[in-house]
Amino acid sequence: MGNESDEKSKPRRSLKNVKSVAHYLGVSRNTVHQWVMENHIPYINLGVAGGRRIIRFDPEAIEAWLQDRSHTPGPEKPGQEKEWHEQEIE
């Protein structure tokens, strides 16, 4: 029973629409729609209303998706630095 009150006291996350996710990611709404169609971005399909799909996004899932795609340069592997400096510049 303690879990029920804990669940009720948790604030609900606000789901985001295509427009707000596109703005946040700096891409067009068409790009977000394409990513949804390709199953490339995490989304929630709430159903169909008026002949249109209702798509929403969990901000935490979008953040995790971004983290999975982030690249932070790390230390070079042995031998990479030598190869880089030995390349001729034309």
Protein backbone atom coordinates (compact mmCIF):
# COMPACT_ATOMS: atom_id res chain seq x y z
CA MET A 1 0.00 0.00 0.00
CA GLY A 2 2.93 2.31 0.60
CA ASN A 3 3.79 2.11 -3.07
CA GLU A 4 0.41 3.54 -4.10
CA SER A 5 0.91 6.75 -2.13
CA ASP A 6 4.51 6.98 -3.36
CA GLU A 7 3.29 6.64 -6.96
CA LYS A 8 0.61 9.28 -6.47
CA SER A 9 3.05 11.75 -4.93
CA LYS A 10 5.52 11.48 -7.83
CA PRO A 11 5.20 14.33 -10.29
CA ARG A 12 4.24 13.16 -13.77
CA ARG A 13 6.65 13.92 -16.56
CA SER A 14 5.30 16.21 -19.19
CA LEU A 15 5.30 14.53 -22.58
CA LYS A 16 6.54 16.65 -25.46
CA ASN A 17 5.05 16.98 -28.93
CA VAL A 18 6.85 16.82 -32.28
CA LYS A 19 7.22 20.59 -32.51
CA SER A 20 8.91 20.97 -29.12
CA VAL A 21 11.25 17.99 -29.71
CA ALA A 22 12.19 19.35 -33.14
CA HIS A 23 12.94 22.73 -31.61
CA TYR A 24 14.96 21.17 -28.78
CA LEU A 25 17.02 19.05 -31.20
CA GLY A 26 17.43 21.86 -33.72
CA VAL A 27 15.87 19.93 -36.59
CA SER A 28 12.66 20.29 -38.58
CA ARG A 29 9.39 18.67 -37.65
CA ASN A 30 9.66 16.68 -40.88
CA THR A 31 12.97 15.24 -39.67
CA VAL A 32 11.40 14.16 -36.38
CA HIS A 33 8.48 12.58 -38.27
CA GLN A 34 10.97 10.74 -40.51
CA TRP A 35 12.90 9.47 -37.48
CA VAL A 36 9.61 8.21 -36.00
CA MET A 37 8.72 6.42 -39.25
CA GLU A 38 12.21 4.83 -39.30
CA ASN A 39 11.92 3.90 -35.60
CA HIS A 40 15.11 5.88 -35.01
CA ILE A 41 13.97 8.02 -32.07
CA PRO A 42 12.09 6.87 -28.94
CA TYR A 43 8.45 7.92 -29.06
CA ILE A 44 5.04 7.11 -27.63
CA ASN A 45 2.13 6.39 -29.95
CA LEU A 46 -1.05 7.50 -28.16
CA GLY A 47 -3.33 6.38 -30.96
CA VAL A 48 -5.23 8.04 -33.75
CA ALA A 49 -7.53 11.03 -33.54
CA GLY A 50 -9.17 12.63 -36.54
CA GLY A 51 -7.17 10.43 -38.90
CA ARG A 52 -3.83 11.57 -37.46
CA ARG A 53 -1.44 9.66 -35.21
CA ILE A 54 -0.83 11.25 -31.85
CA ILE A 55 2.89 11.03 -31.13
CA ARG A 56 4.51 12.22 -27.91
CA PHE A 57 8.02 12.02 -26.50
CA ASP A 58 9.30 11.36 -23.00
CA PRO A 59 11.99 13.98 -22.28
CA GLU A 60 14.02 11.48 -20.24
CA ALA A 61 14.01 8.98 -23.13
CA ILE A 62 15.12 11.74 -25.53
CA GLU A 63 17.98 12.67 -23.19
CA ALA A 64 19.07 9.02 -22.92
CA TRP A 65 18.85 8.71 -26.72
CA LEU A 66 21.08 11.76 -27.09
CA GLN A 67 23.57 10.40 -24.57
CA ASP A 68 23.77 7.12 -26.50
CA ARG A 69 24.68 9.09 -29.62
CA SER A 70 27.14 11.48 -27.99
CA HIS A 71 30.81 11.11 -28.73
CA THR A 72 33.47 12.50 -26.45
CA PRO A 73 36.98 12.22 -27.82
CA GLY A 74 39.14 10.12 -25.57
CA PRO A 75 42.80 9.31 -25.43
CA GLU A 76 44.22 8.19 -28.73
CA LYS A 77 44.93 4.54 -29.25
CA PRO A 78 48.59 3.58 -29.44
CA GLY A 79 49.88 4.17 -32.95
CA GLN A 80 47.10 6.52 -34.03
CA GLU A 81 49.04 9.66 -33.24
CA LYS A 82 52.02 8.44 -35.27
CA GLU A 83 49.83 7.61 -38.25
CA TRP A 84 48.20 11.04 -38.11
CA HIS A 85 51.51 12.91 -38.09
CA GLU A 86 53.02 10.75 -40.81
CA GLN A 87 50.27 11.58 -43.29
CA GLU A 88 51.37 13.92 -46.01
CA ILE A 89 49.53 17.15 -46.45
CA GLU A 90 48.83 18.02 -50.04
